[in-house]
Amino acid sequence: MNPMDLLPGGPPTLLALTVAVFILAGVVKGVVGLGLPTISMAMLALVMAPAQAAALLIVPSLVTNLWQARPWPTLLPTLRRIGAMQAGVCVGTVAGARWLGAPSGHWASVYLGLALIAYAGWGLFGSPLGVPRRYEQALGGVVGAITGVITAATGVFVIPAVPFLQALNLGRDGLIQAMGISFTVSTVALAAGLWLNGGYSSSAAGASVLMLLPALIGMALGQWLRHRLSPRTFKLCFMISLALLGAYQVAQGFTA
């Protein structure tokens, strides 16, 4: 399947499905502050190669995460706090892309499924962690590098980044901003990794731009819903859904 198929004139069913996936992923991100690449990769990988799904999410992920990285007055203090982690993300993602190649094949499906299950398991059963301030930079670099390798292999960059950021006790607004910063860096690093492997062509970039509007519509809807639904209940359903999708991806990978 070619990324050009997702442009106008491609298969209408696939185009409609892709738009629906990005709307749904945007809704999830608007409610809980994360999930756009995770949902997008999990669902799109059911109908296309993981590398193609990863290429599609670059622009929507970048723009929505830049929006989430506000407010600008607190951007630099937060970035200084998690700077080592972001450096590790860049190194890990590019090195992982050179080592593993673009996300592809049944093993990419297995890795993606395992990442989803791990993240869902931590979200459902994990207890809050704490990181001593004096170890934040050193541990952040290691966590960032591991996150980068997983990003290169699966296109998903929440494990172990999000648990680490939550362990920093940044507060609700600080955590949302830190995730926005981290996801922005991961998105850029993923784009670089895909480009190095020839997986981010001009046609893939064009298709990715087309998915920006559905993602923004979904995110706006999610922010509206956040004030009317219990985020805890929504996140519970979200994590269970990710675990089921992850299990399906692992089973599909081993039976391919």
Protein backbone atom coordinates (compact mmCIF):
# COMPACT_ATOMS: atom_id res chain seq x y z
CA MET A 1 0.00 0.00 0.00
CA ASN A 2 1.45 3.35 -1.07
CA PRO A 3 1.04 6.52 1.04
CA MET A 4 -0.23 8.18 -2.13
CA ASP A 5 -3.33 6.01 -1.77
CA LEU A 6 -4.36 8.25 1.12
CA LEU A 7 -4.45 11.36 -1.03
CA PRO A 8 -7.64 12.48 -2.80
CA GLY A 9 -8.24 10.03 -5.60
CA GLY A 10 -7.05 7.07 -3.51
CA PRO A 11 -9.35 4.33 -2.19
CA PRO A 12 -12.31 6.18 -0.57
CA THR A 13 -12.79 3.56 2.14
CA LEU A 14 -9.18 3.77 3.26
CA LEU A 15 -9.26 7.57 3.19
CA ALA A 16 -12.48 7.66 5.26
CA LEU A 17 -11.05 5.16 7.74
CA THR A 18 -7.84 7.13 8.14
CA VAL A 19 -9.73 10.39 8.72
CA ALA A 20 -11.92 8.66 11.33
CA VAL A 21 -8.85 7.27 13.11
CA PHE A 22 -7.25 10.72 13.38
CA ILE A 23 -10.48 12.26 14.66
CA LEU A 24 -10.72 9.56 17.32
CA ALA A 25 -7.04 9.93 18.23
CA GLY A 26 -7.49 13.71 18.48
CA VAL A 27 -10.47 13.24 20.81
CA VAL A 28 -8.41 11.01 23.10
CA LYS A 29 -5.54 13.52 23.16
CA GLY A 30 -7.94 16.37 23.88
CA VAL A 31 -9.36 14.53 26.89
CA VAL A 32 -6.30 12.92 28.51
CA GLY A 33 -3.38 14.88 26.98
CA LEU A 34 -1.81 11.98 25.07
CA GLY A 35 -2.71 9.14 22.77
CA LEU A 36 -2.71 10.59 19.25
CA PRO A 37 0.29 8.61 17.94
CA THR A 38 -0.59 5.59 20.08
CA ILE A 39 -4.16 5.33 18.83
CA SER A 40 -3.16 6.21 15.26
CA MET A 41 -0.39 3.60 15.10
CA ALA A 42 -2.50 0.91 16.78
CA MET A 43 -5.47 1.30 14.44
CA LEU A 44 -3.75 2.21 11.18
CA ALA A 45 -1.28 -0.66 11.56
CA LEU A 46 -4.27 -2.96 11.14
CA VAL A 47 -4.67 -1.83 7.51
CA MET A 48 -1.21 -0.63 6.43
CA ALA A 49 2.48 -1.12 7.14
CA PRO A 50 3.65 0.42 10.45
CA ALA A 51 6.18 2.61 8.60
CA GLN A 52 3.39 4.14 6.50
CA ALA A 53 1.24 4.70 9.60
CA ALA A 54 4.20 6.36 11.34
CA ALA A 55 4.78 8.67 8.35
CA LEU A 56 1.12 9.76 8.39
CA LEU A 57 1.15 10.83 12.03
CA ILE A 58 4.18 13.17 11.78
CA VAL A 59 2.41 16.47 10.97
CA PRO A 60 -0.70 15.97 13.15
CA SER A 61 1.45 14.85 16.06
CA LEU A 62 3.90 17.75 15.67
CA VAL A 63 1.25 20.49 15.49
CA THR A 64 -0.95 19.16 18.30
CA ASN A 65 2.06 18.62 20.56
CA LEU A 66 3.39 22.12 19.90
CA TRP A 67 -0.05 23.41 20.90
CA GLN A 68 0.09 21.30 24.06
CA ALA A 69 3.59 22.59 24.93
CA ARG A 70 2.14 25.96 25.92
CA PRO A 71 2.11 28.23 27.92
CA TRP A 72 5.27 29.74 26.50
CA PRO A 73 6.42 31.58 29.71
CA THR A 74 6.99 28.24 31.46
CA LEU A 75 8.40 26.45 28.42
CA LEU A 76 12.11 27.05 29.10
CA PRO A 77 12.04 26.10 32.82
CA THR A 78 10.23 22.88 31.97
CA LEU A 79 12.58 22.16 29.07
CA ARG A 80 15.61 22.62 31.34
CA ARG A 81 14.10 20.12 33.76
CA ILE A 82 13.66 17.45 31.07
CA GLY A 83 16.43 18.50 28.68
CA ALA A 84 18.62 15.42 29.19
CA MET A 85 15.66 13.19 28.45
CA GLN A 86 15.02 14.98 25.16
CA ALA A 87 18.66 14.60 24.13
CA GLY A 88 18.38 10.89 24.87
CA VAL A 89 15.20 10.68 22.78
CA CYS A 90 16.96 12.18 19.76
CA VAL A 91 20.00 9.92 20.05
CA GLY A 92 17.93 6.80 20.72
CA THR A 93 15.47 7.42 17.89
CA VAL A 94 18.05 8.17 15.20
CA ALA A 95 20.37 5.36 16.36
CA GLY A 96 17.43 2.98 16.55
CA ALA A 97 16.30 3.95 13.05
CA ARG A 98 19.80 3.28 11.68
CA TRP A 99 19.99 -0.01 13.56
CA LEU A 100 16.46 -1.34 13.12
CA GLY A 101 15.35 0.38 9.92
CA ALA A 102 11.85 1.79 9.44
CA PRO A 103 9.01 0.16 11.41
CA SER A 104 8.00 -2.76 9.19
CA GLY A 105 7.20 -6.45 9.07
CA HIS A 106 5.63 -8.71 11.64
CA TRP A 107 8.23 -7.97 14.31
CA ALA A 108 7.28 -4.28 14.21
CA SER A 109 3.70 -5.41 14.83
CA VAL A 110 4.87 -7.47 17.82
CA TYR A 111 6.95 -4.61 19.23
CA LEU A 112 4.06 -2.19 18.81
CA GLY A 113 1.70 -4.60 20.56
CA LEU A 114 4.08 -5.12 23.46
CA ALA A 115 4.56 -1.37 23.84
CA LEU A 116 0.80 -0.85 23.92
CA ILE A 117 0.28 -3.64 26.47
CA ALA A 118 3.09 -2.31 28.67
CA TYR A 119 1.70 1.20 28.60
CA ALA A 120 -1.86 0.04 29.25
CA GLY A 121 -0.69 -2.20 32.11
CA TRP A 122 1.18 0.63 33.74
CA GLY A 123 -1.80 2.95 33.30
CA LEU A 124 -4.18 0.44 34.89
CA PHE A 125 -2.05 -1.02 37.67
CA GLY A 126 1.06 1.11 38.07
CA SER A 127 1.55 3.13 41.24
CA PRO A 128 2.94 6.68 41.26
CA LEU A 129 6.71 6.79 41.22
CA GLY A 130 9.15 9.42 42.44
CA VAL A 131 12.58 10.41 41.13
CA PRO A 132 15.07 12.25 43.41
CA ARG A 133 15.91 15.64 41.92
CA ARG A 134 19.65 14.91 41.84
CA TYR A 135 19.10 11.88 39.58
CA GLU A 136 16.65 13.48 37.16
CA GLN A 137 19.12 14.42 34.44
CA ALA A 138 21.11 11.17 34.43
CA LEU A 139 18.03 8.96 34.61
CA GLY A 140 16.24 11.18 32.11
CA GLY A 141 18.96 10.60 29.52
CA VAL A 142 18.65 6.83 29.89
CA VAL A 143 14.84 6.93 29.78
CA GLY A 144 14.98 9.17 26.71
CA ALA A 145 17.35 6.82 24.87
CA ILE A 146 15.15 3.79 25.61
CA THR A 147 12.07 5.74 24.52
CA GLY A 148 13.88 6.69 21.32
CA VAL A 149 14.72 3.09 20.40
CA ILE A 150 11.11 2.04 21.05
CA THR A 151 9.94 4.99 18.95
CA ALA A 152 12.17 3.92 16.06
CA ALA A 153 10.85 0.35 16.26
CA THR A 154 7.14 1.07 16.73
CA GLY A 155 6.33 4.74 16.04
CA VAL A 156 4.95 5.02 19.60
CA PHE A 157 6.79 7.25 22.08
CA VAL A 158 4.96 6.94 25.40
CA ILE A 159 7.02 4.14 27.00
CA PRO A 160 8.89 4.74 29.27
CA ALA A 161 8.68 8.52 28.77
CA VAL A 162 5.25 9.16 30.29
CA PRO A 163 5.79 7.16 33.51
CA PHE A 164 9.09 9.00 34.00
CA LEU A 165 7.50 12.42 33.46
CA GLN A 166 4.74 11.56 35.91
CA ALA A 167 7.39 10.57 38.45
CA LEU A 168 8.86 14.09 38.35
CA ASN A 169 5.86 15.51 40.22
CA LEU A 170 5.50 18.45 37.87
CA GLY A 171 1.86 19.07 38.74
CA ARG A 172 -1.06 18.68 36.37
CA ASP A 173 -0.29 21.64 34.09
CA GLY A 174 3.45 20.97 34.21
CA LEU A 175 2.93 17.34 33.25
CA ILE A 176 0.71 18.25 30.29
CA GLN A 177 3.33 20.74 29.09
CA ALA A 178 6.22 18.29 29.62
CA MET A 179 4.40 15.64 27.60
CA GLY A 180 3.81 18.18 24.84
CA ILE A 181 7.53 19.03 24.74
CA SER A 182 8.63 15.39 24.85
CA PHE A 183 6.17 14.28 22.19
CA THR A 184 7.21 17.18 19.94
CA VAL A 185 10.88 16.18 20.17
CA SER A 186 9.98 12.52 19.60
CA THR A 187 7.92 13.43 16.54
CA VAL A 188 10.79 15.39 14.97
CA ALA A 189 13.25 12.61 15.80
CA LEU A 190 10.90 10.01 14.30
CA ALA A 191 10.57 12.07 11.12
CA ALA A 192 14.37 12.22 10.91
CA GLY A 193 14.61 8.47 11.41
CA LEU A 194 12.00 7.78 8.74
CA TRP A 195 13.77 10.15 6.35
CA LEU A 196 17.09 8.38 6.92
CA ASN A 197 15.42 5.11 5.94
CA GLY A 198 13.62 6.61 2.96
CA GLY A 199 10.26 6.27 4.69
CA TYR A 200 9.30 9.96 4.72
CA SER A 201 8.89 11.01 1.12
CA SER A 202 7.15 14.13 -0.17
CA SER A 203 4.02 12.07 -0.87
CA ALA A 204 3.98 10.77 2.72
CA ALA A 205 4.43 14.34 4.00
CA GLY A 206 1.52 15.52 1.85
CA ALA A 207 -0.73 12.76 3.15
CA SER A 208 0.34 13.62 6.71
CA VAL A 209 -0.65 17.28 6.20
CA LEU A 210 -4.11 16.13 5.08
CA MET A 211 -4.57 14.34 8.40
CA LEU A 212 -3.89 17.52 10.41
CA LEU A 213 -7.43 18.89 10.12
CA PRO A 214 -9.16 15.71 11.36
CA ALA A 215 -6.72 15.54 14.26
CA LEU A 216 -7.37 19.18 15.23
CA ILE A 217 -11.13 18.68 14.97
CA GLY A 218 -10.86 15.64 17.22
CA MET A 219 -8.63 17.46 19.71
CA ALA A 220 -11.08 20.37 19.95
CA LEU A 221 -13.92 17.91 20.51
CA GLY A 222 -11.87 16.10 23.17
CA GLN A 223 -11.18 19.35 25.02
CA TRP A 224 -14.91 20.06 24.98
CA LEU A 225 -15.63 16.56 26.32
CA ARG A 226 -12.96 16.85 29.02
CA HIS A 227 -15.17 19.31 30.90
CA ARG A 228 -18.19 17.00 30.67
CA LEU A 229 -16.78 13.51 31.26
CA SER A 230 -14.72 11.97 34.01
CA PRO A 231 -11.14 11.81 32.69
CA ARG A 232 -10.50 8.88 35.03
CA THR A 233 -13.35 6.84 33.53
CA PHE A 234 -12.36 7.78 30.01
CA LYS A 235 -8.74 6.88 30.64
CA LEU A 236 -9.77 3.50 32.07
CA CYS A 237 -11.62 2.67 28.85
CA PHE A 238 -8.69 4.02 26.87
CA MET A 239 -6.15 1.80 28.62
CA ILE A 240 -8.29 -1.33 28.30
CA SER A 241 -8.77 -0.63 24.60
CA LEU A 242 -5.02 -0.20 24.13
CA ALA A 243 -4.34 -3.49 25.91
CA LEU A 244 -6.78 -5.31 23.61
CA LEU A 245 -5.31 -3.69 20.50
CA GLY A 246 -1.82 -4.51 21.71
CA ALA A 247 -2.72 -8.14 22.27
CA TYR A 248 -4.18 -8.28 18.77
CA GLN A 249 -1.02 -6.77 17.28
CA VAL A 250 1.20 -9.30 19.08
CA ALA A 251 -0.97 -12.23 17.97
CA GLN A 252 -1.08 -10.91 14.42
CA GLY A 253 2.70 -10.53 14.36
CA PHE A 254 3.38 -14.06 15.57
CA THR A 255 0.89 -15.61 13.16
CA ALA A 256 2.05 -13.61 10.11
